Every structure is written in structure tokens, then in C-alpha cells.
Amino acid sequence: MESQRKYEFDWDNTVGADMQVARPSLGPSTRIEVYRLFQFTLRDILEQHYGTEMADTLFREAGVMAGRAFFEKFLSGAQDVASLSNKVQESFNALGIGIFRVESARQDNSQFIFTVDEDLDCSGLPDTADVVCVYDEGFIQGVLESFSGKGFNVREIDCWCTGSRTCRFEAKVV
């Protein structure tokens, strides 16, 4: 007997709730501290229970799911890589996610370098020896896979937290 999931993701019934009903006075915005409070406490609990590697894996998987949903909601009209890039830039800016740029792209679209300045997840955090934007890795992967129909491996290669002051992601077709 298959059990029913209690918290299965669905844009319209979670993220896309009617804000006029849900938050008629406050609206859809909140401060970055609240987002990070949720993200980093959840990450800490996952790491305590399952270890760092599994916490990263789970955050990356959640990012892939979010990237796919984001693509369907905001980016699905993109016809080519240039229009996808423009739509991502506009959406990231409008929603306060970060300042997105394509730094380089192979002509065959099999490898990209993306940057995100003022990244929602990490800009302003203390320097560490680690990149921290594994959720973003998954998010970018989900967007690219939804757009191209190909599998991608996305890894952060520079991070605010490693002193770079920008987050840089390498994406390769697998």
C-alpha cells in the first residue's frame, strides 16, 4: 500500500497562494533575514540528523525541483539560450534573488559559467573555506534541464563565502 505524501509540492497551492487573501496588508515580500533564518536552521537540522553530504544532496534536490517549477512559471516562453538568459536576469532582479549573468557559454550549449551577484543565499556572510550555494546549484540545474531536455551537472566554483564576492557556477551537460 502506497502512502500519500503530506507535503507534496504544488505551485498553485503553496508558493502561488492568493496573496490578496493570504496577506492583504503585508503582501508577498519579506526580509532576507527571514529567508536565511529558515534556510540555515533547516540546513543545520538536516546536517545534524543526516550529515553534511546528505544535507547538501537534499538541498540540491530541492533546488532542482524549485528550478523546474520556476522555469514553468516564469521562463517557459524562452526560445533560445539568449532569451532564457534575459528572462532569468529579469526574473532574478524582479524577485530579488540576485543579479544573474552568463559569463561564458560554449557554442553547442554544453557548458556554461553563470554568476549571481548579491546572491540571496550568501552575500554578506562571513568568509569560510566552503562554497555554500548548493540549493542554487540545483535550481540552475532544474532550469537548464527544463529548458534543454538534457541532464546537467551544476557546481558552484566561487562563492561570496570563499572571498569571491560573487557566486560563480559551472554547468556541464552530463
Protein backbone atom coordinates (compact mmCIF):
# COMPACT_ATOMS: atom_id res chain seq x y z
CA MET A 1 0.00 0.00 0.00
CA GLU A 2 1.45 3.33 -1.08
CA SER A 3 1.35 6.14 1.47
CA GLN A 4 0.15 9.57 0.43
CA ARG A 5 2.65 12.38 0.83
CA LYS A 6 1.56 15.12 3.19
CA TYR A 7 3.68 17.93 1.76
CA GLU A 8 3.91 17.24 -1.96
CA PHE A 9 4.96 20.42 -3.76
CA ASP A 10 2.40 22.19 -5.92
CA TRP A 11 3.00 25.79 -7.04
CA ASP A 12 -0.63 26.91 -7.00
CA ASN A 13 -1.38 25.55 -3.53
CA THR A 14 1.83 26.62 -1.82
CA VAL A 15 4.02 29.26 -3.45
CA GLY A 16 1.29 30.78 -5.60
CA ALA A 17 -1.31 31.22 -2.90
CA ASP A 18 -3.55 34.25 -3.43
CA MET A 19 -1.66 36.99 -1.58
CA GLN A 20 -4.71 39.26 -1.54
CA VAL A 21 -6.36 36.66 0.70
CA ALA A 22 -3.28 35.31 2.48
CA ARG A 23 -1.52 38.60 3.27
CA PRO A 24 -3.78 41.54 2.41
CA SER A 25 -1.71 44.00 4.44
CA LEU A 26 1.84 42.64 4.19
CA GLY A 27 1.82 41.32 0.62
CA PRO A 28 4.29 38.81 -0.86
CA SER A 29 7.59 40.30 0.37
CA THR A 30 9.70 39.65 3.43
CA ARG A 31 13.24 40.41 4.53
CA ILE A 32 16.29 38.38 3.61
CA GLU A 33 16.94 37.60 7.29
CA VAL A 34 13.69 35.62 7.44
CA TYR A 35 14.57 33.61 4.34
CA ARG A 36 18.05 32.85 5.68
CA LEU A 37 16.68 32.02 9.15
CA PHE A 38 14.51 29.34 7.56
CA GLN A 39 17.21 28.09 5.18
CA PHE A 40 20.10 27.84 7.61
CA THR A 41 18.15 26.41 10.56
CA LEU A 42 16.67 23.73 8.28
CA ARG A 43 20.13 23.04 6.86
CA ASP A 44 21.59 22.76 10.38
CA ILE A 45 18.91 20.27 11.48
CA LEU A 46 19.36 18.19 8.31
CA GLU A 47 23.13 18.18 8.84
CA GLN A 48 22.76 17.15 12.49
CA HIS A 49 20.47 14.25 11.55
CA TYR A 50 21.98 13.10 8.24
CA GLY A 51 25.46 14.62 7.90
CA THR A 52 26.81 17.39 5.69
CA GLU A 53 26.92 15.42 2.45
CA MET A 54 23.29 14.29 2.73
CA ALA A 55 22.14 17.79 3.76
CA ASP A 56 23.84 19.16 0.63
CA THR A 57 22.25 16.44 -1.51
CA LEU A 58 18.78 17.22 -0.15
CA PHE A 59 19.21 20.97 -0.64
CA ARG A 60 20.45 20.39 -4.20
CA GLU A 61 17.46 18.11 -4.96
CA ALA A 62 15.08 20.73 -3.57
CA GLY A 63 16.81 23.30 -5.78
CA VAL A 64 16.27 21.12 -8.86
CA MET A 65 12.56 20.82 -8.04
CA ALA A 66 12.33 24.58 -7.49
CA GLY A 67 14.24 25.35 -10.69
CA ARG A 68 11.86 23.20 -12.72
CA ALA A 69 8.81 24.88 -11.16
CA PHE A 70 10.38 28.31 -11.66
CA PHE A 71 11.06 27.52 -15.31
CA GLU A 72 7.43 26.51 -15.88
CA LYS A 73 6.09 29.60 -14.09
CA PHE A 74 8.47 32.30 -15.37
CA LEU A 75 10.73 31.06 -18.17
CA SER A 76 8.87 28.56 -20.34
CA GLY A 77 8.47 31.00 -23.24
CA ALA A 78 12.25 31.14 -23.84
CA GLN A 79 13.08 30.11 -27.41
CA ASP A 80 16.87 30.03 -27.21
CA VAL A 81 19.69 30.47 -24.70
CA ALA A 82 19.79 34.26 -25.19
CA SER A 83 16.07 34.66 -24.42
CA LEU A 84 16.36 32.24 -21.49
CA SER A 85 19.24 34.29 -20.09
CA ASN A 86 17.24 37.52 -20.45
CA LYS A 87 14.21 36.00 -18.74
CA VAL A 88 16.36 34.66 -15.87
CA GLN A 89 18.04 38.06 -15.44
CA GLU A 90 14.68 39.85 -15.38
CA SER A 91 13.07 37.34 -13.01
CA PHE A 92 16.01 37.20 -10.60
CA ASN A 93 16.11 41.00 -10.47
CA ALA A 94 12.35 41.46 -10.08
CA LEU A 95 12.12 38.84 -7.34
CA GLY A 96 15.28 39.94 -5.51
CA ILE A 97 17.08 36.61 -6.00
CA GLY A 98 20.31 38.15 -7.30
CA ILE A 99 21.98 39.71 -10.31
CA PHE A 100 22.33 36.92 -12.87
CA ARG A 101 24.80 36.92 -15.76
CA VAL A 102 26.07 34.45 -18.31
CA GLU A 103 29.84 34.74 -18.11
CA SER A 104 30.60 32.20 -20.84
CA ALA A 105 28.82 29.62 -22.96
CA ARG A 106 30.08 27.01 -25.35
CA GLN A 107 28.64 27.41 -28.80
CA ASP A 108 26.98 23.98 -28.57
CA ASN A 109 25.35 24.94 -25.20
CA SER A 110 27.04 22.02 -23.43
CA GLN A 111 28.88 24.12 -20.85
CA PHE A 112 28.17 27.46 -19.17
CA ILE A 113 29.61 29.70 -16.49
CA PHE A 114 26.98 31.77 -14.68
CA THR A 115 27.45 34.38 -11.99
CA VAL A 116 24.99 35.63 -9.40
CA ASP A 117 25.93 38.82 -7.58
CA GLU A 118 24.15 39.79 -4.36
CA ASP A 119 23.01 36.17 -4.10
CA LEU A 120 20.03 35.65 -1.82
CA ASP A 121 21.69 32.70 -0.08
CA CYS A 122 25.10 34.02 0.84
CA SER A 123 26.06 37.61 0.02
CA GLY A 124 27.31 39.35 3.13
CA LEU A 125 28.01 36.15 5.08
CA PRO A 126 31.43 35.60 6.69
CA ASP A 127 34.26 34.05 4.69
CA THR A 128 34.71 30.31 5.08
CA ALA A 129 36.63 27.71 3.15
CA ASP A 130 33.41 26.37 1.62
CA VAL A 131 31.01 27.28 -1.14
CA VAL A 132 27.51 27.26 0.35
CA CYS A 133 25.05 27.67 -2.53
CA VAL A 134 24.13 24.02 -3.15
CA TYR A 135 20.44 24.93 -3.38
CA ASP A 136 21.35 27.36 -6.18
CA GLU A 137 23.30 24.59 -7.93
CA GLY A 138 20.14 22.51 -8.05
CA PHE A 139 17.99 25.50 -9.01
CA ILE A 140 20.16 26.30 -12.04
CA GLN A 141 20.26 22.60 -12.93
CA GLY A 142 16.45 22.41 -12.85
CA VAL A 143 16.12 25.48 -15.09
CA LEU A 144 18.66 24.20 -17.62
CA GLU A 145 17.20 20.70 -17.75
CA SER A 146 13.67 22.03 -18.17
CA PHE A 147 14.80 24.29 -20.99
CA SER A 148 17.07 21.88 -22.86
CA GLY A 149 15.71 18.42 -22.06
CA LYS A 150 19.32 17.40 -21.30
CA GLY A 151 20.89 16.41 -17.98
CA PHE A 152 23.23 18.94 -16.38
CA ASN A 153 25.71 18.87 -13.54
CA VAL A 154 25.99 22.29 -11.88
CA ARG A 155 28.57 23.13 -9.25
CA GLU A 156 29.49 26.38 -7.56
CA ILE A 157 33.13 27.16 -8.24
CA ASP A 158 33.34 30.57 -6.49
CA CYS A 159 31.23 31.92 -3.65
CA TRP A 160 30.89 35.06 -1.58
CA CYS A 161 31.82 32.86 1.38
CA THR A 162 35.16 31.91 -0.18
CA GLY A 163 36.07 35.56 -0.68
CA SER A 164 34.98 35.89 -4.31
CA ARG A 165 32.17 38.37 -3.61
CA THR A 166 30.19 36.77 -6.42
CA CYS A 167 28.80 33.30 -6.84
CA ARG A 168 30.03 31.52 -9.94
CA PHE A 169 28.50 28.28 -11.24
CA GLU A 170 29.79 25.88 -13.85
CA ALA A 171 27.14 23.89 -15.69
CA LYS A 172 28.03 20.92 -17.92
CA VAL A 173 25.88 18.54 -19.90
CA VAL A 174 26.14 15.04 -18.44
